[in-house]
Amino acid sequence: MASVYGEQAAQGLEDERWLADVGRHDWIVLLKDDAIRRRPSERDVLAAAKVRAFCLTNAQLRASEQSTRFVSNINRILRQAEKPGPYIYGVYDGYIKRLWP
């Protein structure tokens, strides 16, 4: 996000704004905020923008574990990402699982 919005702006950016931008640019988003799927305003933007999201569901992972989890699932993520959104998949140790809708 810092490379798109600048470091300072990215830190204060509302989720609804950047999620809409993700959809508009047809980007894939990698998240570490599993709760995003439970917040109605963000879920509405996810749906409207047809966002394709992949998130970590374990908030206790260290940074190295987070990146390992995404990297080890990259082929699964890319195969799923070929399909249109909206959706959120959880990224686990060795598999991904649809969480929403």
C-alpha atoms as a PDB file:
ATOM      1  CA  MET A   1       0.000   0.000   0.000  1.00  0.00           C
ATOM      2  CA  ALA A   2       2.882   2.331   0.715  1.00  0.00           C
ATOM      3  CA  SER A   3       4.072   2.026  -2.888  1.00  0.00           C
ATOM      4  CA  VAL A   4       0.613   3.021  -4.174  1.00  0.00           C
ATOM      5  CA  TYR A   5      -0.456   5.693  -1.660  1.00  0.00           C
ATOM      6  CA  GLY A   6       2.780   6.698   0.051  1.00  0.00           C
ATOM      7  CA  GLU A   7       3.829   5.505   3.497  1.00  0.00           C
ATOM      8  CA  GLN A   8       2.043   8.149   5.551  1.00  0.00           C
ATOM      9  CA  ALA A   9      -1.198   8.151   3.555  1.00  0.00           C
ATOM     10  CA  ALA A  10      -1.375   4.350   3.531  1.00  0.00           C
ATOM     11  CA  GLN A  11      -1.332   4.186   7.319  1.00  0.00           C
ATOM     12  CA  GLY A  12      -4.402   6.387   7.670  1.00  0.00           C
ATOM     13  CA  LEU A  13      -6.334   5.067   4.684  1.00  0.00           C
ATOM     14  CA  GLU A  14      -9.778   3.643   5.353  1.00  0.00           C
ATOM     15  CA  ASP A  15     -10.260   0.030   4.305  1.00  0.00           C
ATOM     16  CA  GLU A  16     -13.269   0.904   2.166  1.00  0.00           C
ATOM     17  CA  ARG A  17     -11.138   3.229   0.033  1.00  0.00           C
ATOM     18  CA  TRP A  18      -8.272   0.893  -0.738  1.00  0.00           C
ATOM     19  CA  LEU A  19     -10.581  -2.108  -1.196  1.00  0.00           C
ATOM     20  CA  ALA A  20     -12.514  -0.160  -3.842  1.00  0.00           C
ATOM     21  CA  ASP A  21      -9.201   0.692  -5.536  1.00  0.00           C
ATOM     22  CA  VAL A  22      -8.179  -2.979  -5.473  1.00  0.00           C
ATOM     23  CA  GLY A  23     -11.375  -3.901  -7.291  1.00  0.00           C
ATOM     24  CA  ARG A  24     -11.089  -1.046  -9.771  1.00  0.00           C
ATOM     25  CA  HIS A  25      -7.543  -2.124 -10.709  1.00  0.00           C
ATOM     26  CA  ASP A  26      -8.445  -5.839 -10.650  1.00  0.00           C
ATOM     27  CA  TRP A  27      -5.663  -6.535  -8.164  1.00  0.00           C
ATOM     28  CA  ILE A  28      -5.434  -9.505  -5.823  1.00  0.00           C
ATOM     29  CA  VAL A  29      -5.155  -8.591  -2.154  1.00  0.00           C
ATOM     30  CA  LEU A  30      -3.212 -10.454   0.521  1.00  0.00           C
ATOM     31  CA  LEU A  31      -4.438  -9.670   4.037  1.00  0.00           C
ATOM     32  CA  LYS A  32      -3.559 -10.450   7.590  1.00  0.00           C
ATOM     33  CA  ASP A  33      -6.874  -9.064   8.868  1.00  0.00           C
ATOM     34  CA  ASP A  34      -9.324 -11.954   9.006  1.00  0.00           C
ATOM     35  CA  ALA A  35     -11.948  -9.752  10.690  1.00  0.00           C
ATOM     36  CA  ILE A  36     -12.451  -7.740   7.492  1.00  0.00           C
ATOM     37  CA  ARG A  37     -15.029 -10.296   6.338  1.00  0.00           C
ATOM     38  CA  ARG A  38     -17.150  -9.650   9.428  1.00  0.00           C
ATOM     39  CA  ARG A  39     -17.378  -5.853   9.104  1.00  0.00           C
ATOM     40  CA  PRO A  40     -20.479  -4.968   7.042  1.00  0.00           C
ATOM     41  CA  SER A  41     -19.166  -1.778   5.409  1.00  0.00           C
ATOM     42  CA  GLU A  42     -15.961  -3.467   4.265  1.00  0.00           C
ATOM     43  CA  ARG A  43     -17.799  -6.598   3.180  1.00  0.00           C
ATOM     44  CA  ASP A  44     -20.128  -4.437   1.073  1.00  0.00           C
ATOM     45  CA  VAL A  45     -17.149  -2.852  -0.695  1.00  0.00           C
ATOM     46  CA  LEU A  46     -15.542  -6.273  -1.192  1.00  0.00           C
ATOM     47  CA  ALA A  47     -18.712  -7.481  -2.876  1.00  0.00           C
ATOM     48  CA  ALA A  48     -19.319  -4.371  -4.997  1.00  0.00           C
ATOM     49  CA  ALA A  49     -15.700  -4.186  -6.168  1.00  0.00           C
ATOM     50  CA  LYS A  50     -15.503  -7.967  -6.757  1.00  0.00           C
ATOM     51  CA  VAL A  51     -12.330  -8.172  -4.701  1.00  0.00           C
ATOM     52  CA  ARG A  52     -10.286 -11.380  -4.723  1.00  0.00           C
ATOM     53  CA  ALA A  53      -8.740 -11.609  -1.256  1.00  0.00           C
ATOM     54  CA  PHE A  54      -6.531 -14.125   0.513  1.00  0.00           C
ATOM     55  CA  CYS A  55      -6.007 -13.689   4.240  1.00  0.00           C
ATOM     56  CA  LEU A  56      -4.121 -15.190   7.116  1.00  0.00           C
ATOM     57  CA  THR A  57      -6.444 -16.377   9.855  1.00  0.00           C
ATOM     58  CA  ASN A  58      -3.875 -16.676  12.636  1.00  0.00           C
ATOM     59  CA  ALA A  59      -3.033 -13.300  14.158  1.00  0.00           C
ATOM     60  CA  GLN A  60      -0.219 -14.845  16.208  1.00  0.00           C
ATOM     61  CA  LEU A  61       2.071 -15.596  13.251  1.00  0.00           C
ATOM     62  CA  ARG A  62       5.423 -13.827  13.158  1.00  0.00           C
ATOM     63  CA  ALA A  63       6.315 -11.885  10.008  1.00  0.00           C
ATOM     64  CA  SER A  64       8.508 -14.720   8.708  1.00  0.00           C
ATOM     65  CA  GLU A  65       5.679 -17.217   9.244  1.00  0.00           C
ATOM     66  CA  GLN A  66       3.230 -14.926   7.478  1.00  0.00           C
ATOM     67  CA  SER A  67       5.390 -14.652   4.376  1.00  0.00           C
ATOM     68  CA  THR A  68       6.120 -18.401   4.424  1.00  0.00           C
ATOM     69  CA  ARG A  69       2.403 -19.141   4.532  1.00  0.00           C
ATOM     70  CA  PHE A  70       1.713 -16.947   1.479  1.00  0.00           C
ATOM     71  CA  VAL A  71       4.742 -18.205  -0.468  1.00  0.00           C
ATOM     72  CA  SER A  72       4.046 -21.880   0.216  1.00  0.00           C
ATOM     73  CA  ASN A  73       0.490 -21.407  -1.099  1.00  0.00           C
ATOM     74  CA  ILE A  74       1.331 -19.186  -4.072  1.00  0.00           C
ATOM     75  CA  ASN A  75       0.277 -21.748  -6.698  1.00  0.00           C
ATOM     76  CA  ARG A  76      -3.047 -22.393  -4.952  1.00  0.00           C
ATOM     77  CA  ILE A  77      -3.635 -18.656  -4.640  1.00  0.00           C
ATOM     78  CA  LEU A  78      -2.824 -17.985  -8.299  1.00  0.00           C
ATOM     79  CA  ARG A  79      -5.069 -20.833  -9.511  1.00  0.00           C
ATOM     80  CA  GLN A  80      -7.989 -19.512  -7.491  1.00  0.00           C
ATOM     81  CA  ALA A  81      -7.259 -15.903  -8.428  1.00  0.00           C
ATOM     82  CA  GLU A  82      -7.968 -16.742 -12.073  1.00  0.00           C
ATOM     83  CA  LYS A  83     -11.639 -16.967 -11.064  1.00  0.00           C
ATOM     84  CA  PRO A  84     -13.715 -13.797 -10.694  1.00  0.00           C
ATOM     85  CA  GLY A  85     -14.483 -12.387  -7.262  1.00  0.00           C
ATOM     86  CA  PRO A  86     -15.743 -11.444  -4.859  1.00  0.00           C
ATOM     87  CA  TYR A  87     -14.319 -13.848  -2.336  1.00  0.00           C
ATOM     88  CA  ILE A  88     -12.029 -14.224   0.632  1.00  0.00           C
ATOM     89  CA  TYR A  89      -9.932 -17.330   1.087  1.00  0.00           C
ATOM     90  CA  GLY A  90      -8.127 -18.203   4.293  1.00  0.00           C
ATOM     91  CA  VAL A  91      -4.464 -19.071   3.819  1.00  0.00           C
ATOM     92  CA  TYR A  92      -3.357 -21.948   6.033  1.00  0.00           C
ATOM     93  CA  ASP A  93      -0.333 -24.189   6.344  1.00  0.00           C
ATOM     94  CA  GLY A  94      -0.428 -26.078   3.025  1.00  0.00           C
ATOM     95  CA  TYR A  95      -3.936 -25.181   1.835  1.00  0.00           C
ATOM     96  CA  ILE A  96      -6.435 -22.387   1.243  1.00  0.00           C
ATOM     97  CA  LYS A  97     -10.132 -22.459   2.162  1.00  0.00           C
ATOM     98  CA  ARG A  98     -13.014 -20.253   1.064  1.00  0.00           C
ATOM     99  CA  LEU A  99     -14.265 -18.122   3.961  1.00  0.00           C
ATOM    100  CA  TRP A 100     -16.642 -15.696   2.254  1.00  0.00           C
ATOM    101  CA  PRO A 101     -19.176 -15.599   0.690  1.00  0.00           C
END
